[in-house]
């Protein structure tokens, strides 16, 4: 229905920006789920992909500098830019006006709280979580893993950046006291990569089965 508008908006988002927005949404959605598992005595590992803050433009709203009026389009001649012809942009604006009438809820969607997943989860679990990512010194990373693996440390959530922790660390249940839950809010790009991440939590020597959850937003975004 909104083919021209969809193609235009899609080009504004690189893969990393899309993953950043999706992870932020899923991180907020994961908080209640994590709390439910913690209440039953389980330890939770959360894997995420993005770390650096991305420039997250609104996924449905055109920016002011993109809203050319008819006079402005005419002044551009045959093309708005190297990649957009004036005729195509007229169709984009036409579809955008109709879309805004039909879905004001999406046009007015507040994305001010689109923050890094790590920040959201760390704030939600300030006292019982540890981190494992490229910004954490190697010695501290090792200590964080040790604390998470300690049944009595009180550190029952570990937030792991996939690139930093997809191999070389063991997060499985070695005592049978705290069953593990692995929640992946990222988007593994290859099956073998997903298997490596799962292998951090369920491997030889595990005393209990690991619950593995991949969260989605139910969209093709």
N, C-alpha and C. Protein backbone atom coordinates (compact mmCIF):
# COMPACT_ATOMS: atom_id res chain seq x y z
N UNK A 1 0.82 -1.21 0.00
CA UNK A 1 0.00 0.00 0.00
C UNK A 1 0.86 1.26 0.00
N UNK A 2 1.93 1.25 0.79
CA UNK A 2 2.81 2.41 0.87
C UNK A 2 4.20 2.02 0.35
N UNK A 3 4.24 1.54 -0.86
CA UNK A 3 5.48 0.99 -1.41
C UNK A 3 6.59 2.04 -1.49
N UNK A 4 6.30 3.20 -2.07
CA UNK A 4 7.33 4.23 -2.22
C UNK A 4 7.81 4.74 -0.87
N UNK A 5 6.89 4.96 0.05
CA UNK A 5 7.24 5.45 1.39
C UNK A 5 8.06 4.41 2.14
N UNK A 6 7.65 3.15 2.05
CA UNK A 6 8.37 2.07 2.73
C UNK A 6 9.81 1.95 2.22
N UNK A 7 9.98 2.02 0.92
CA UNK A 7 11.32 1.91 0.34
C UNK A 7 12.20 3.08 0.78
N UNK A 8 11.61 4.27 0.84
CA UNK A 8 12.37 5.46 1.23
C UNK A 8 12.80 5.38 2.70
N UNK A 9 11.87 5.05 3.59
CA UNK A 9 12.19 4.97 5.01
C UNK A 9 13.19 3.85 5.30
N UNK A 10 13.05 2.74 4.58
CA UNK A 10 13.95 1.60 4.81
C UNK A 10 15.40 1.96 4.50
N UNK A 11 15.62 2.81 3.49
CA UNK A 11 16.98 3.16 3.10
C UNK A 11 17.67 4.03 4.14
N UNK A 12 16.90 4.64 5.04
CA UNK A 12 17.50 5.50 6.06
C UNK A 12 18.15 4.69 7.19
N UNK A 13 17.83 3.42 7.26
CA UNK A 13 18.28 2.62 8.38
C UNK A 13 19.31 1.58 7.97
N UNK A 14 20.50 1.69 8.53
CA UNK A 14 21.50 0.66 8.32
C UNK A 14 21.14 -0.53 9.21
N UNK A 15 21.82 -1.64 8.97
CA UNK A 15 21.54 -2.82 9.78
C UNK A 15 21.77 -2.59 11.26
N UNK A 16 22.83 -1.85 11.60
CA UNK A 16 23.15 -1.64 13.01
C UNK A 16 22.12 -0.74 13.69
N UNK A 17 21.62 0.27 12.99
CA UNK A 17 20.61 1.14 13.59
C UNK A 17 19.33 0.36 13.84
N UNK A 18 18.96 -0.49 12.90
CA UNK A 18 17.76 -1.33 13.09
C UNK A 18 17.94 -2.23 14.31
N UNK A 19 19.10 -2.87 14.40
CA UNK A 19 19.35 -3.79 15.51
C UNK A 19 19.37 -3.03 16.84
N UNK A 20 19.91 -1.82 16.82
CA UNK A 20 19.96 -0.99 18.02
C UNK A 20 18.56 -0.67 18.53
N UNK A 21 17.68 -0.24 17.62
CA UNK A 21 16.31 0.09 18.00
C UNK A 21 15.57 -1.15 18.50
N UNK A 22 15.70 -2.25 17.77
CA UNK A 22 15.02 -3.48 18.16
C UNK A 22 15.50 -3.98 19.51
N UNK A 23 16.82 -3.91 19.75
CA UNK A 23 17.36 -4.37 21.04
C UNK A 23 16.86 -3.50 22.18
N UNK A 24 16.74 -2.20 21.95
CA UNK A 24 16.22 -1.32 22.99
C UNK A 24 14.79 -1.70 23.35
N UNK A 25 13.98 -1.96 22.33
CA UNK A 25 12.59 -2.37 22.56
C UNK A 25 12.54 -3.70 23.30
N UNK A 26 13.35 -4.65 22.86
CA UNK A 26 13.32 -5.99 23.47
C UNK A 26 13.90 -5.99 24.89
N UNK A 27 14.88 -5.12 25.13
CA UNK A 27 15.46 -5.04 26.48
C UNK A 27 14.40 -4.63 27.50
N UNK A 28 13.59 -3.63 27.13
CA UNK A 28 12.52 -3.20 28.03
C UNK A 28 11.49 -4.31 28.23
N UNK A 29 11.22 -5.04 27.15
CA UNK A 29 10.26 -6.13 27.25
C UNK A 29 10.77 -7.32 28.03
N UNK A 30 12.09 -7.44 28.13
CA UNK A 30 12.69 -8.59 28.80
C UNK A 30 12.73 -8.45 30.32
N UNK A 31 12.57 -7.24 30.83
CA UNK A 31 12.73 -7.00 32.26
C UNK A 31 11.78 -7.85 33.10
N UNK A 32 10.49 -7.83 32.77
CA UNK A 32 9.52 -8.63 33.53
C UNK A 32 9.81 -10.11 33.41
N UNK A 33 10.22 -10.54 32.23
CA UNK A 33 10.54 -11.95 32.00
C UNK A 33 11.73 -12.38 32.88
N UNK A 34 12.75 -11.55 32.92
CA UNK A 34 13.92 -11.86 33.75
C UNK A 34 13.52 -11.94 35.22
N UNK A 35 12.72 -10.99 35.66
CA UNK A 35 12.29 -11.00 37.06
C UNK A 35 11.51 -12.27 37.41
N UNK A 36 10.71 -12.75 36.49
CA UNK A 36 9.96 -13.99 36.73
C UNK A 36 10.90 -15.17 36.93
N UNK A 37 11.94 -15.25 36.12
CA UNK A 37 12.89 -16.34 36.25
C UNK A 37 13.70 -16.23 37.55
N UNK A 38 14.06 -15.01 37.91
CA UNK A 38 14.84 -14.81 39.14
C UNK A 38 14.03 -15.24 40.36
N UNK A 39 12.74 -14.99 40.32
CA UNK A 39 11.88 -15.35 41.47
C UNK A 39 11.83 -16.86 41.68
N UNK A 40 12.11 -17.64 40.63
CA UNK A 40 12.09 -19.09 40.75
C UNK A 40 13.50 -19.66 40.98
N UNK A 41 14.46 -18.78 41.31
CA UNK A 41 15.79 -19.24 41.67
C UNK A 41 16.74 -19.49 40.51
N UNK A 42 16.40 -19.03 39.34
CA UNK A 42 17.27 -19.25 38.18
C UNK A 42 18.25 -18.10 38.01
N UNK A 43 19.36 -18.38 37.32
CA UNK A 43 20.29 -17.34 36.92
C UNK A 43 20.08 -17.07 35.43
N UNK A 44 20.21 -15.81 35.03
CA UNK A 44 19.86 -15.40 33.67
C UNK A 44 21.05 -14.77 32.95
N UNK A 45 21.33 -15.24 31.75
CA UNK A 45 22.31 -14.59 30.88
C UNK A 45 21.54 -13.91 29.76
N UNK A 46 21.88 -12.65 29.51
CA UNK A 46 21.24 -11.88 28.44
C UNK A 46 22.30 -11.50 27.42
N UNK A 47 22.12 -11.95 26.19
CA UNK A 47 23.07 -11.62 25.12
C UNK A 47 22.47 -10.51 24.25
N UNK A 48 23.31 -9.53 23.94
CA UNK A 48 22.90 -8.43 23.06
C UNK A 48 24.03 -8.18 22.07
N UNK A 49 23.73 -7.49 20.97
CA UNK A 49 24.72 -7.25 19.92
C UNK A 49 25.33 -5.86 19.98
N UNK A 50 24.48 -4.83 20.03
CA UNK A 50 24.97 -3.46 19.90
C UNK A 50 25.48 -2.93 21.22
N UNK A 51 26.46 -2.04 21.13
CA UNK A 51 27.05 -1.44 22.31
C UNK A 51 27.12 0.07 22.16
N UNK A 52 27.55 0.53 20.98
CA UNK A 52 27.68 1.95 20.71
C UNK A 52 26.32 2.57 20.43
N UNK A 53 26.09 3.77 20.98
CA UNK A 53 24.84 4.48 20.74
C UNK A 53 24.73 4.84 19.26
N UNK A 54 23.61 4.51 18.67
CA UNK A 54 23.37 4.79 17.26
C UNK A 54 22.43 5.99 17.10
N UNK A 55 22.52 6.65 15.97
CA UNK A 55 21.63 7.77 15.66
C UNK A 55 20.29 7.20 15.20
N UNK A 56 19.38 7.07 16.14
CA UNK A 56 18.11 6.41 15.87
C UNK A 56 17.06 7.41 15.40
N UNK A 57 16.90 7.53 14.09
CA UNK A 57 15.85 8.39 13.55
C UNK A 57 14.50 7.72 13.76
N UNK A 58 13.47 8.54 13.73
CA UNK A 58 12.12 8.01 13.90
C UNK A 58 11.81 7.05 12.75
N UNK A 59 11.32 5.84 13.06
CA UNK A 59 11.10 4.85 12.00
C UNK A 59 9.91 5.15 11.09
N UNK A 60 9.01 6.04 11.51
CA UNK A 60 7.81 6.29 10.72
C UNK A 60 7.62 7.75 10.30
N UNK A 61 8.35 8.64 10.91
CA UNK A 61 8.12 10.07 10.67
C UNK A 61 9.23 10.65 9.80
N UNK A 62 8.84 11.44 8.79
CA UNK A 62 9.82 12.16 7.99
C UNK A 62 10.32 13.37 8.76
N UNK A 63 11.61 13.66 8.65
CA UNK A 63 12.19 14.82 9.32
C UNK A 63 11.78 16.09 8.57
N UNK A 64 11.93 17.24 9.26
CA UNK A 64 11.51 18.50 8.66
C UNK A 64 12.24 18.78 7.35
N UNK A 65 13.53 18.44 7.30
CA UNK A 65 14.28 18.72 6.08
C UNK A 65 13.94 17.76 4.94
N UNK A 66 13.08 16.78 5.22
CA UNK A 66 12.64 15.85 4.18
C UNK A 66 11.26 16.20 3.64
N UNK A 67 10.58 17.11 4.31
CA UNK A 67 9.20 17.43 3.93
C UNK A 67 9.19 18.59 2.93
N UNK A 68 9.58 18.30 1.73
CA UNK A 68 9.54 19.30 0.67
C UNK A 68 8.09 19.56 0.25
N UNK A 69 7.74 20.84 0.07
CA UNK A 69 6.42 21.14 -0.47
C UNK A 69 6.48 21.10 -2.00
N UNK A 70 5.34 21.28 -2.63
CA UNK A 70 5.29 21.16 -4.09
C UNK A 70 6.21 22.18 -4.78
N UNK A 71 6.27 23.40 -4.22
CA UNK A 71 7.11 24.44 -4.83
C UNK A 71 8.58 24.05 -4.73
N UNK A 72 8.96 23.51 -3.57
CA UNK A 72 10.35 23.12 -3.38
C UNK A 72 10.74 21.98 -4.31
N UNK A 73 9.83 21.05 -4.50
CA UNK A 73 10.10 19.93 -5.40
C UNK A 73 10.30 20.45 -6.82
N UNK A 74 9.48 21.40 -7.23
CA UNK A 74 9.60 21.96 -8.57
C UNK A 74 10.95 22.65 -8.77
N UNK A 75 11.43 23.31 -7.72
CA UNK A 75 12.71 24.00 -7.80
C UNK A 75 13.87 23.04 -8.00
N UNK A 76 13.71 21.81 -7.54
CA UNK A 76 14.77 20.81 -7.66
C UNK A 76 14.90 20.28 -9.09
N UNK A 77 13.92 20.54 -9.92
CA UNK A 77 13.99 20.03 -11.28
C UNK A 77 13.59 18.56 -11.33
N UNK A 78 14.44 17.75 -11.95
CA UNK A 78 14.10 16.35 -12.16
C UNK A 78 14.44 15.45 -10.97
N UNK A 79 15.28 15.93 -10.07
CA UNK A 79 15.73 15.07 -8.98
C UNK A 79 15.86 15.83 -7.67
N UNK A 80 15.48 15.17 -6.58
CA UNK A 80 15.66 15.72 -5.24
C UNK A 80 17.10 15.51 -4.79
N UNK A 81 17.64 14.34 -5.13
CA UNK A 81 19.02 14.01 -4.78
C UNK A 81 19.55 13.05 -5.84
N UNK A 82 20.74 12.54 -5.61
CA UNK A 82 21.33 11.60 -6.57
C UNK A 82 20.51 10.32 -6.70
N UNK A 83 19.78 9.98 -5.63
CA UNK A 83 19.07 8.70 -5.62
C UNK A 83 17.55 8.82 -5.72
N UNK A 84 17.01 10.05 -5.62
CA UNK A 84 15.56 10.21 -5.61
C UNK A 84 15.13 11.19 -6.70
N UNK A 85 14.30 10.72 -7.62
CA UNK A 85 13.75 11.58 -8.65
C UNK A 85 12.58 12.38 -8.07
N UNK A 86 12.39 13.58 -8.61
CA UNK A 86 11.31 14.43 -8.11
C UNK A 86 9.95 13.75 -8.21
N UNK A 87 9.72 13.04 -9.30
CA UNK A 87 8.45 12.35 -9.49
C UNK A 87 8.23 11.29 -8.42
N UNK A 88 9.29 10.57 -8.07
CA UNK A 88 9.20 9.56 -7.02
C UNK A 88 8.93 10.21 -5.67
N UNK A 89 9.55 11.36 -5.43
CA UNK A 89 9.36 12.00 -4.13
C UNK A 89 7.93 12.53 -3.98
N UNK A 90 7.34 12.96 -5.09
CA UNK A 90 5.94 13.38 -5.03
C UNK A 90 5.06 12.23 -4.56
N UNK A 91 5.37 11.02 -5.02
CA UNK A 91 4.61 9.85 -4.60
C UNK A 91 4.87 9.54 -3.13
N UNK A 92 6.11 9.72 -2.69
CA UNK A 92 6.45 9.50 -1.28
C UNK A 92 5.66 10.44 -0.38
N UNK A 93 5.63 11.73 -0.74
CA UNK A 93 4.90 12.71 0.05
C UNK A 93 3.41 12.40 0.05
N UNK A 94 2.89 12.00 -1.09
CA UNK A 94 1.47 11.65 -1.20
C UNK A 94 1.14 10.49 -0.25
N UNK A 95 1.97 9.46 -0.27
CA UNK A 95 1.75 8.30 0.61
C UNK A 95 1.93 8.67 2.07
N UNK A 96 2.89 9.54 2.34
CA UNK A 96 3.15 9.94 3.73
C UNK A 96 1.96 10.69 4.32
N UNK A 97 1.38 11.57 3.56
CA UNK A 97 0.21 12.32 4.03
C UNK A 97 -0.94 11.37 4.35
N UNK A 98 -1.15 10.38 3.49
CA UNK A 98 -2.22 9.40 3.72
C UNK A 98 -1.90 8.53 4.92
N UNK A 99 -0.64 8.11 5.02
CA UNK A 99 -0.21 7.27 6.15
C UNK A 99 -0.39 8.01 7.47
N UNK A 100 -0.05 9.30 7.48
CA UNK A 100 -0.18 10.10 8.70
C UNK A 100 -1.63 10.22 9.14
N UNK A 101 -2.55 10.26 8.18
CA UNK A 101 -3.97 10.33 8.51
C UNK A 101 -4.47 9.01 9.08
N UNK A 102 -3.99 7.91 8.50
CA UNK A 102 -4.47 6.59 8.91
C UNK A 102 -3.80 6.09 10.19
N UNK A 103 -2.53 6.44 10.38
CA UNK A 103 -1.79 5.93 11.55
C UNK A 103 -1.08 7.03 12.33
N UNK A 104 -1.85 7.96 12.90
CA UNK A 104 -1.22 9.01 13.71
C UNK A 104 -0.50 8.44 14.93
N UNK A 105 -0.94 7.24 15.38
CA UNK A 105 -0.29 6.61 16.53
C UNK A 105 1.17 6.29 16.24
N UNK A 106 1.46 5.89 15.00
CA UNK A 106 2.83 5.57 14.63
C UNK A 106 3.64 6.84 14.32
N UNK A 107 3.01 7.81 13.68
CA UNK A 107 3.69 9.06 13.39
C UNK A 107 4.10 9.76 14.69
N UNK A 108 3.26 9.67 15.71
CA UNK A 108 3.51 10.35 16.99
C UNK A 108 4.16 9.44 18.02
N UNK A 109 4.63 8.28 17.59
CA UNK A 109 5.28 7.35 18.51
C UNK A 109 6.49 8.01 19.17
N UNK A 110 6.54 7.96 20.50
CA UNK A 110 7.65 8.57 21.24
C UNK A 110 8.83 7.61 21.30
N UNK A 111 9.95 8.01 20.70
CA UNK A 111 11.14 7.15 20.72
C UNK A 111 12.27 7.78 21.52
N UNK A 112 11.93 8.74 22.37
CA UNK A 112 12.95 9.40 23.18
C UNK A 112 13.66 8.42 24.11
N UNK A 113 12.96 7.34 24.46
CA UNK A 113 13.54 6.38 25.40
C UNK A 113 14.25 5.23 24.68
N UNK A 114 14.61 5.44 23.40
CA UNK A 114 15.39 4.44 22.69
C UNK A 114 16.84 4.57 23.17
N UNK A 115 17.21 3.73 24.10
CA UNK A 115 18.54 3.78 24.70
C UNK A 115 19.23 2.44 24.51
N UNK A 116 20.54 2.37 24.74
CA UNK A 116 21.25 1.09 24.59
C UNK A 116 20.65 0.03 25.50
N UNK A 117 20.56 -1.18 24.99
CA UNK A 117 20.01 -2.29 25.77
C UNK A 117 20.80 -2.49 27.07
N UNK A 118 22.12 -2.35 27.00
CA UNK A 118 22.96 -2.51 28.18
C UNK A 118 22.57 -1.53 29.27
N UNK A 119 22.32 -0.29 28.89
CA UNK A 119 21.93 0.75 29.85
C UNK A 119 20.59 0.42 30.49
N UNK A 120 19.63 0.00 29.67
CA UNK A 120 18.29 -0.31 30.17
C UNK A 120 18.34 -1.47 31.17
N UNK A 121 19.06 -2.53 30.83
CA UNK A 121 19.12 -3.71 31.69
C UNK A 121 19.93 -3.45 32.95
N UNK A 122 21.00 -2.69 32.84
CA UNK A 122 21.82 -2.39 34.01
C UNK A 122 21.04 -1.56 35.03
N UNK A 123 20.22 -0.64 34.53
CA UNK A 123 19.39 0.17 35.43
C UNK A 123 18.29 -0.68 36.08
N UNK A 124 17.78 -1.65 35.34
CA UNK A 124 16.71 -2.50 35.87
C UNK A 124 17.22 -3.46 36.94
N UNK A 125 18.51 -3.85 36.82
CA UNK A 125 19.10 -4.81 37.77
C UNK A 125 20.43 -4.24 38.28
N UNK A 126 20.37 -3.16 39.05
CA UNK A 126 21.59 -2.45 39.46
C UNK A 126 22.47 -3.21 40.46
N UNK A 127 21.87 -4.05 41.26
CA UNK A 127 22.62 -4.70 42.34
C UNK A 127 22.93 -6.17 42.10
N UNK A 128 22.21 -6.79 41.19
CA UNK A 128 22.39 -8.23 41.02
C UNK A 128 22.84 -8.61 39.61
N UNK A 129 23.38 -7.63 38.85
CA UNK A 129 23.85 -7.94 37.51
C UNK A 129 25.31 -7.56 37.34
N UNK A 130 25.96 -8.24 36.38
CA UNK A 130 27.33 -7.91 35.99
C UNK A 130 27.37 -7.85 34.46
N UNK A 131 28.46 -7.28 33.93
CA UNK A 131 28.56 -7.08 32.49
C UNK A 131 29.77 -7.81 31.91
N UNK A 132 29.65 -8.14 30.64
CA UNK A 132 30.76 -8.75 29.91
C UNK A 132 30.72 -8.18 28.49
N UNK A 133 31.59 -7.22 28.24
CA UNK A 133 31.65 -6.62 26.90
C UNK A 133 33.02 -6.02 26.66
N UNK A 134 33.26 -5.49 25.47
CA UNK A 134 34.56 -4.99 25.10
C UNK A 134 35.01 -3.77 25.84
N UNK A 135 34.09 -3.07 26.51
CA UNK A 135 34.46 -1.89 27.28
C UNK A 135 34.86 -2.21 28.71
N UNK A 136 34.66 -3.45 29.12
CA UNK A 136 35.03 -3.88 30.47
C UNK A 136 36.42 -4.49 30.44
N UNK A 137 37.35 -4.03 31.29
CA UNK A 137 38.71 -4.59 31.30
C UNK A 137 38.69 -6.11 31.48
N UNK A 138 39.69 -6.76 30.89
CA UNK A 138 39.73 -8.23 30.87
C UNK A 138 39.66 -8.83 32.26
N UNK A 139 40.39 -8.25 33.20
CA UNK A 139 40.39 -8.78 34.58
C UNK A 139 39.02 -8.66 35.23
N UNK A 140 38.34 -7.56 34.96
CA UNK A 140 36.99 -7.36 35.53
C UNK A 140 36.00 -8.31 34.88
N UNK A 141 36.18 -8.54 33.57
CA UNK A 141 35.30 -9.50 32.89
C UNK A 141 35.42 -10.88 33.53
N UNK A 142 36.64 -11.30 33.79
CA UNK A 142 36.87 -12.61 34.41
C UNK A 142 36.23 -12.68 35.79
N UNK A 143 36.37 -11.59 36.56
CA UNK A 143 35.76 -11.54 37.89
C UNK A 143 34.24 -11.59 37.79
N UNK A 144 33.68 -10.90 36.81
CA UNK A 144 32.22 -10.90 36.65
C UNK A 144 31.68 -12.28 36.34
N UNK A 145 32.40 -13.02 35.49
CA UNK A 145 32.00 -14.39 35.19
C UNK A 145 32.08 -15.25 36.45
N UNK A 146 33.16 -15.08 37.21
CA UNK A 146 33.35 -15.85 38.45
C UNK A 146 32.22 -15.55 39.43
N UNK A 147 31.87 -14.28 39.56
CA UNK A 147 30.79 -13.90 40.48
C UNK A 147 29.46 -14.49 40.02
N UNK A 148 29.19 -14.45 38.72
CA UNK A 148 27.94 -15.00 38.21
C UNK A 148 27.87 -16.50 38.46
N UNK A 149 29.00 -17.17 38.32
CA UNK A 149 29.03 -18.62 38.51
C UNK A 149 28.99 -19.03 39.99
N UNK A 150 29.23 -18.08 40.88
CA UNK A 150 29.18 -18.34 42.32
C UNK A 150 27.72 -18.35 42.78
N UNK A 151 27.27 -19.47 43.33
CA UNK A 151 25.87 -19.63 43.72
C UNK A 151 25.42 -18.63 44.79
N UNK A 152 26.33 -18.13 45.59
CA UNK A 152 25.95 -17.28 46.72
C UNK A 152 26.40 -15.82 46.55
N UNK A 153 26.82 -15.44 45.36
CA UNK A 153 27.34 -14.08 45.16
C UNK A 153 26.24 -13.02 45.10
N UNK A 154 25.03 -13.44 44.76
CA UNK A 154 23.95 -12.47 44.57
C UNK A 154 23.95 -11.85 43.19
N UNK A 155 24.91 -12.23 42.36
CA UNK A 155 24.97 -11.75 40.98
C UNK A 155 24.31 -12.81 40.09
N UNK A 156 23.03 -12.62 39.85
CA UNK A 156 22.23 -13.64 39.17
C UNK A 156 21.90 -13.30 37.73
N UNK A 157 22.37 -12.14 37.25
CA UNK A 157 22.15 -11.73 35.85
C UNK A 157 23.49 -11.29 35.27
N UNK A 158 23.83 -11.82 34.11
CA UNK A 158 25.02 -11.35 33.41
C UNK A 158 24.60 -10.87 32.03
N UNK A 159 25.01 -9.66 31.68
CA UNK A 159 24.64 -9.03 30.41
C UNK A 159 25.85 -9.09 29.50
N UNK A 160 25.75 -9.86 28.43
CA UNK A 160 26.92 -10.19 27.60
C UNK A 160 26.76 -9.64 26.19
N UNK A 161 27.76 -8.89 25.73
CA UNK A 161 27.79 -8.50 24.32
C UNK A 161 28.24 -9.71 23.52
N UNK A 162 27.48 -10.05 22.49
CA UNK A 162 27.72 -11.29 21.74
C UNK A 162 29.14 -11.39 21.18
N UNK A 163 29.65 -10.32 20.60
CA UNK A 163 30.98 -10.37 20.01
C UNK A 163 32.07 -10.64 21.05
N UNK A 164 31.83 -10.19 22.27
CA UNK A 164 32.83 -10.37 23.32
C UNK A 164 32.71 -11.73 24.01
N UNK A 165 31.49 -12.28 24.06
CA UNK A 165 31.28 -13.47 24.87
C UNK A 165 30.72 -14.67 24.15
N UNK A 166 30.87 -14.72 22.81
CA UNK A 166 30.30 -15.87 22.09
C UNK A 166 31.18 -17.11 22.19
N UNK A 167 32.39 -16.95 22.72
CA UNK A 167 33.30 -18.09 22.88
C UNK A 167 34.26 -17.81 24.04
N UNK A 168 34.80 -18.88 24.61
CA UNK A 168 35.84 -18.72 25.61
C UNK A 168 35.38 -18.52 27.03
N UNK A 169 34.08 -18.48 27.30
CA UNK A 169 33.59 -18.36 28.67
C UNK A 169 32.54 -19.44 28.93
N UNK A 170 32.41 -19.82 30.17
CA UNK A 170 31.43 -20.84 30.56
C UNK A 170 30.47 -20.24 31.57
N UNK A 171 29.19 -20.29 31.26
CA UNK A 171 28.16 -19.70 32.12
C UNK A 171 27.12 -20.73 32.53
N UNK A 172 27.45 -22.02 32.38
CA UNK A 172 26.47 -23.08 32.63
C UNK A 172 26.36 -23.40 34.12
N UNK A 173 25.30 -24.08 34.46
CA UNK A 173 25.03 -24.50 35.84
C UNK A 173 25.91 -25.70 36.18
N UNK A 174 26.89 -25.50 37.04
CA UNK A 174 27.83 -26.58 37.39
C UNK A 174 27.49 -27.26 38.71
N UNK A 175 26.46 -26.73 39.44
CA UNK A 175 26.16 -27.28 40.76
C UNK A 175 24.74 -27.82 40.89
N UNK A 176 23.85 -27.42 39.98
CA UNK A 176 22.46 -27.84 40.09
C UNK A 176 21.63 -26.95 40.99
N UNK A 177 22.22 -25.88 41.51
CA UNK A 177 21.49 -24.98 42.42
C UNK A 177 20.65 -23.97 41.65
N UNK A 178 21.25 -23.38 40.61
CA UNK A 178 20.54 -22.35 39.85
C UNK A 178 20.49 -22.74 38.37
N UNK A 179 19.33 -23.19 37.93
CA UNK A 179 19.16 -23.48 36.51
C UNK A 179 19.41 -22.21 35.70
N UNK A 180 19.98 -22.39 34.51
CA UNK A 180 20.29 -21.24 33.67
C UNK A 180 19.16 -20.95 32.68
N UNK A 181 18.98 -19.64 32.41
CA UNK A 181 18.10 -19.15 31.36
C UNK A 181 18.92 -18.25 30.46
N UNK A 182 18.95 -18.53 29.18
CA UNK A 182 19.64 -17.66 28.23
C UNK A 182 18.60 -16.91 27.41
N UNK A 183 18.67 -15.58 27.46
CA UNK A 183 17.77 -14.73 26.68
C UNK A 183 18.62 -13.97 25.67
N UNK A 184 18.33 -14.14 24.40
CA UNK A 184 19.08 -13.44 23.36
C UNK A 184 18.16 -12.38 22.75
N UNK A 185 18.53 -11.10 22.96
CA UNK A 185 17.73 -10.02 22.38
C UNK A 185 18.38 -9.50 21.10
N UNK A 186 19.50 -10.11 20.71
CA UNK A 186 20.16 -9.73 19.47
C UNK A 186 19.60 -10.51 18.30
N UNK A 187 20.28 -10.39 17.17
CA UNK A 187 19.88 -11.12 15.97
C UNK A 187 21.10 -11.84 15.43
N UNK A 188 21.31 -13.11 15.83
CA UNK A 188 22.47 -13.85 15.31
C UNK A 188 22.46 -13.90 13.79
N UNK A 189 23.61 -13.58 13.19
CA UNK A 189 23.68 -13.50 11.73
C UNK A 189 23.92 -14.85 11.07
N UNK A 190 24.42 -15.82 11.86
CA UNK A 190 24.71 -17.15 11.30
C UNK A 190 24.31 -18.21 12.31
N UNK A 191 23.84 -19.37 11.84
CA UNK A 191 23.45 -20.44 12.77
C UNK A 191 24.59 -20.85 13.70
N UNK A 192 25.82 -20.95 13.16
CA UNK A 192 26.94 -21.38 13.99
C UNK A 192 27.22 -20.39 15.10
N UNK A 193 26.97 -19.10 14.82
CA UNK A 193 27.16 -18.06 15.83
C UNK A 193 26.16 -18.22 16.96
N UNK A 194 24.91 -18.51 16.60
CA UNK A 194 23.88 -18.75 17.61
C UNK A 194 24.22 -19.98 18.45
N UNK A 195 24.74 -21.01 17.81
CA UNK A 195 25.11 -22.23 18.53
C UNK A 195 26.26 -21.97 19.50
N UNK A 196 27.20 -21.12 19.08
CA UNK A 196 28.32 -20.78 19.98
C UNK A 196 27.81 -20.07 21.22
N UNK A 197 26.87 -19.14 21.03
CA UNK A 197 26.31 -18.41 22.17
C UNK A 197 25.55 -19.35 23.09
N UNK A 198 24.74 -20.22 22.52
CA UNK A 198 24.00 -21.18 23.33
C UNK A 198 24.95 -22.08 24.12
N UNK A 199 26.11 -22.37 23.50
CA UNK A 199 27.09 -23.23 24.15
C UNK A 199 27.76 -22.63 25.36
N UNK A 200 27.61 -21.32 25.56
CA UNK A 200 28.15 -20.71 26.79
C UNK A 200 27.32 -21.13 27.99
N UNK A 201 26.05 -21.47 27.74
CA UNK A 201 25.11 -21.70 28.83
C UNK A 201 24.73 -23.17 29.02
N UNK A 202 24.84 -23.95 27.96
CA UNK A 202 24.46 -25.37 28.05
C UNK A 202 25.56 -26.18 27.39
N UNK A 203 26.36 -26.83 28.21
CA UNK A 203 27.55 -27.51 27.72
C UNK A 203 27.87 -28.71 28.59
N UNK A 204 28.90 -29.44 28.24
CA UNK A 204 29.31 -30.61 29.03
C UNK A 204 29.51 -30.21 30.48
N UNK A 205 28.89 -30.95 31.37
CA UNK A 205 29.01 -30.65 32.80
C UNK A 205 27.82 -29.92 33.37
N UNK A 206 26.87 -29.54 32.51
CA UNK A 206 25.67 -28.84 33.01
C UNK A 206 24.84 -29.79 33.87
N UNK A 207 24.46 -29.31 35.04
CA UNK A 207 23.67 -30.12 35.96
C UNK A 207 22.17 -30.01 35.71
N UNK A 208 21.77 -28.98 35.01
CA UNK A 208 20.35 -28.80 34.67
C UNK A 208 20.25 -28.36 33.21
N UNK A 209 19.07 -28.55 32.65
CA UNK A 209 18.83 -28.07 31.30
C UNK A 209 18.81 -26.53 31.29
N UNK A 210 19.20 -25.96 30.18
CA UNK A 210 19.17 -24.50 30.03
C UNK A 210 17.94 -24.10 29.23
N UNK A 211 17.21 -23.13 29.74
CA UNK A 211 16.07 -22.56 29.01
C UNK A 211 16.61 -21.50 28.07
N UNK A 212 16.31 -21.62 26.78
CA UNK A 212 16.84 -20.69 25.78
C UNK A 212 15.69 -19.93 25.14
N UNK A 213 15.78 -18.61 25.18
CA UNK A 213 14.73 -17.76 24.63
C UNK A 213 15.32 -16.75 23.64
N UNK A 214 14.72 -16.67 22.46
CA UNK A 214 15.06 -15.64 21.49
C UNK A 214 13.87 -14.69 21.40
N UNK A 215 14.04 -13.45 21.79
CA UNK A 215 12.94 -12.51 21.80
C UNK A 215 12.81 -11.83 20.44
N UNK A 216 11.56 -11.62 20.02
CA UNK A 216 11.29 -10.92 18.76
C UNK A 216 10.25 -9.84 19.03
N UNK A 217 10.12 -8.92 18.08
CA UNK A 217 9.10 -7.86 18.20
C UNK A 217 7.86 -8.18 17.37
N UNK A 218 7.90 -9.30 16.64
CA UNK A 218 6.77 -9.65 15.81
C UNK A 218 6.63 -8.79 14.56
N UNK A 219 7.75 -8.18 14.15
CA UNK A 219 7.72 -7.33 12.95
C UNK A 219 8.77 -7.83 11.97
N UNK A 220 8.76 -7.27 10.75
CA UNK A 220 9.81 -7.57 9.77
C UNK A 220 10.77 -6.38 9.65
N UNK A 221 10.79 -5.55 10.69
CA UNK A 221 11.59 -4.32 10.69
C UNK A 221 13.08 -4.65 10.74
